[in-house]
Amino acid sequence: MNVFFDKSFTKSIENIKDKKIKQSIFQFIESVKVAKSIRDIHRVKKIQGFKNYYRYRFGDYRIGFEQTDENTIVLIVVAKRNDIYKVFP
């Protein structure tokens, strides 16, 4: 799949200090690049009420992203679980 990054995604990664969390984010990005469809990515759920928005869960953090077409996703934001839905979607 093709992966694109929103400005807010890169800013939210810069704000994270924990190296393990950053490593998990980069592993997720690599797994997305290898996946043939969104169903091939584990722990991804569709956001209710929205057609193309999804979230990936790891620990206390969530990655919010949008699937623009079958082979393209745009990573929008990374935030803690209690803050993610204030800024996404």
C-alpha atoms as a PDB file:
ATOM      1  CA  MET A   1       0.000   0.000   0.000  1.00  0.00           C
ATOM      2  CA  ASN A   2       0.996   3.596  -0.507  1.00  0.00           C
ATOM      3  CA  VAL A   3       1.437   5.563   2.716  1.00  0.00           C
ATOM      4  CA  PHE A   4       1.292   9.345   2.990  1.00  0.00           C
ATOM      5  CA  PHE A   5       1.812  11.482   6.085  1.00  0.00           C
ATOM      6  CA  ASP A   6      -0.220  14.482   7.184  1.00  0.00           C
ATOM      7  CA  LYS A   7       1.605  17.420   8.825  1.00  0.00           C
ATOM      8  CA  SER A   8      -0.173  16.729  12.103  1.00  0.00           C
ATOM      9  CA  PHE A   9       1.131  13.142  12.045  1.00  0.00           C
ATOM     10  CA  THR A  10       4.768  14.229  11.861  1.00  0.00           C
ATOM     11  CA  LYS A  11       4.200  16.844  14.578  1.00  0.00           C
ATOM     12  CA  SER A  12       2.586  14.310  16.884  1.00  0.00           C
ATOM     13  CA  ILE A  13       5.503  11.890  16.392  1.00  0.00           C
ATOM     14  CA  GLU A  14       7.955  14.659  17.307  1.00  0.00           C
ATOM     15  CA  ASN A  15       6.070  15.216  20.586  1.00  0.00           C
ATOM     16  CA  ILE A  16       6.469  11.581  21.671  1.00  0.00           C
ATOM     17  CA  LYS A  17       9.585  11.036  23.771  1.00  0.00           C
ATOM     18  CA  ASP A  18       9.315   7.272  24.396  1.00  0.00           C
ATOM     19  CA  LYS A  19      11.518   5.306  21.983  1.00  0.00           C
ATOM     20  CA  LYS A  20       9.425   2.128  22.288  1.00  0.00           C
ATOM     21  CA  ILE A  21       6.312   3.978  21.177  1.00  0.00           C
ATOM     22  CA  LYS A  22       8.158   5.475  18.203  1.00  0.00           C
ATOM     23  CA  GLN A  23       9.470   2.031  17.289  1.00  0.00           C
ATOM     24  CA  SER A  24       5.916   0.658  17.373  1.00  0.00           C
ATOM     25  CA  ILE A  25       4.801   3.468  15.062  1.00  0.00           C
ATOM     26  CA  PHE A  26       7.541   2.704  12.549  1.00  0.00           C
ATOM     27  CA  GLN A  27       6.726  -1.028  12.684  1.00  0.00           C
ATOM     28  CA  PHE A  28       3.096  -0.173  11.940  1.00  0.00           C
ATOM     29  CA  ILE A  29       4.154   1.945   8.952  1.00  0.00           C
ATOM     30  CA  GLU A  30       6.248  -0.928   7.593  1.00  0.00           C
ATOM     31  CA  SER A  31       3.399  -3.404   8.053  1.00  0.00           C
ATOM     32  CA  VAL A  32       1.071  -1.059   6.161  1.00  0.00           C
ATOM     33  CA  LYS A  33       3.512  -0.762   3.272  1.00  0.00           C
ATOM     34  CA  VAL A  34       3.684  -4.563   2.975  1.00  0.00           C
ATOM     35  CA  ALA A  35      -0.076  -5.155   3.341  1.00  0.00           C
ATOM     36  CA  LYS A  36      -2.164  -5.658   0.235  1.00  0.00           C
ATOM     37  CA  SER A  37      -5.375  -4.394   1.831  1.00  0.00           C
ATOM     38  CA  ILE A  38      -6.482  -2.851   5.081  1.00  0.00           C
ATOM     39  CA  ARG A  39      -7.820  -6.226   6.229  1.00  0.00           C
ATOM     40  CA  ASP A  40      -4.253  -7.578   6.289  1.00  0.00           C
ATOM     41  CA  ILE A  41      -3.266  -5.168   9.091  1.00  0.00           C
ATOM     42  CA  HIS A  42      -3.905  -6.489  12.604  1.00  0.00           C
ATOM     43  CA  ARG A  43      -5.618  -4.423  15.318  1.00  0.00           C
ATOM     44  CA  VAL A  44      -7.194  -1.951  12.894  1.00  0.00           C
ATOM     45  CA  LYS A  45     -10.781  -0.901  13.468  1.00  0.00           C
ATOM     46  CA  LYS A  46     -13.094   1.279  11.459  1.00  0.00           C
ATOM     47  CA  ILE A  47     -14.293   4.472  13.142  1.00  0.00           C
ATOM     48  CA  GLN A  48     -18.076   4.324  13.531  1.00  0.00           C
ATOM     49  CA  GLY A  49     -20.028   6.912  11.597  1.00  0.00           C
ATOM     50  CA  PHE A  50     -17.262   7.582   9.073  1.00  0.00           C
ATOM     51  CA  LYS A  51     -16.752   5.877   5.758  1.00  0.00           C
ATOM     52  CA  ASN A  52     -12.951   5.877   5.353  1.00  0.00           C
ATOM     53  CA  TYR A  53     -11.475   6.549   8.807  1.00  0.00           C
ATOM     54  CA  TYR A  54      -9.697   3.883  10.851  1.00  0.00           C
ATOM     55  CA  ARG A  55      -7.611   3.583  13.987  1.00  0.00           C
ATOM     56  CA  TYR A  56      -4.739   1.353  14.991  1.00  0.00           C
ATOM     57  CA  ARG A  57      -4.296   0.555  18.676  1.00  0.00           C
ATOM     58  CA  PHE A  58      -1.041  -0.106  20.507  1.00  0.00           C
ATOM     59  CA  GLY A  59      -0.680   0.355  24.248  1.00  0.00           C
ATOM     60  CA  ASP A  60      -2.196   3.647  25.381  1.00  0.00           C
ATOM     61  CA  TYR A  61      -1.727   5.199  21.940  1.00  0.00           C
ATOM     62  CA  ARG A  62      -3.817   5.250  18.786  1.00  0.00           C
ATOM     63  CA  ILE A  63      -2.945   6.081  15.188  1.00  0.00           C
ATOM     64  CA  GLY A  64      -5.759   7.677  13.237  1.00  0.00           C
ATOM     65  CA  PHE A  65      -5.698   7.317   9.467  1.00  0.00           C
ATOM     66  CA  GLU A  66      -7.841   7.596   6.377  1.00  0.00           C
ATOM     67  CA  GLN A  67      -8.071   5.190   3.467  1.00  0.00           C
ATOM     68  CA  THR A  68      -8.342   7.389   0.381  1.00  0.00           C
ATOM     69  CA  ASP A  69      -8.570   4.489  -2.069  1.00  0.00           C
ATOM     70  CA  GLU A  70      -7.902   0.750  -2.019  1.00  0.00           C
ATOM     71  CA  ASN A  71      -4.120   1.101  -2.139  1.00  0.00           C
ATOM     72  CA  THR A  72      -3.540   4.425  -0.367  1.00  0.00           C
ATOM     73  CA  ILE A  73      -3.792   5.553   3.237  1.00  0.00           C
ATOM     74  CA  VAL A  74      -3.006   8.892   4.852  1.00  0.00           C
ATOM     75  CA  LEU A  75      -1.690   8.760   8.419  1.00  0.00           C
ATOM     76  CA  ILE A  76      -3.284  11.706  10.209  1.00  0.00           C
ATOM     77  CA  VAL A  77      -2.450  11.678  13.921  1.00  0.00           C
ATOM     78  CA  VAL A  78      -0.905   9.755  16.826  1.00  0.00           C
ATOM     79  CA  ALA A  79      -2.274  10.466  20.287  1.00  0.00           C
ATOM     80  CA  LYS A  80      -3.029   8.867  23.633  1.00  0.00           C
ATOM     81  CA  ARG A  81      -6.288   6.974  23.800  1.00  0.00           C
ATOM     82  CA  ASN A  82      -8.116   9.607  25.853  1.00  0.00           C
ATOM     83  CA  ASP A  83      -7.035  12.433  23.498  1.00  0.00           C
ATOM     84  CA  ILE A  84      -7.306  10.845  20.045  1.00  0.00           C
ATOM     85  CA  TYR A  85     -11.015  11.379  19.522  1.00  0.00           C
ATOM     86  CA  LYS A  86     -10.755  15.090  20.406  1.00  0.00           C
ATOM     87  CA  VAL A  87      -8.550  15.683  17.354  1.00  0.00           C
ATOM     88  CA  PHE A  88      -9.534  12.811  15.034  1.00  0.00           C
ATOM     89  CA  PRO A  89     -11.449  12.639  12.641  1.00  0.00           C
END
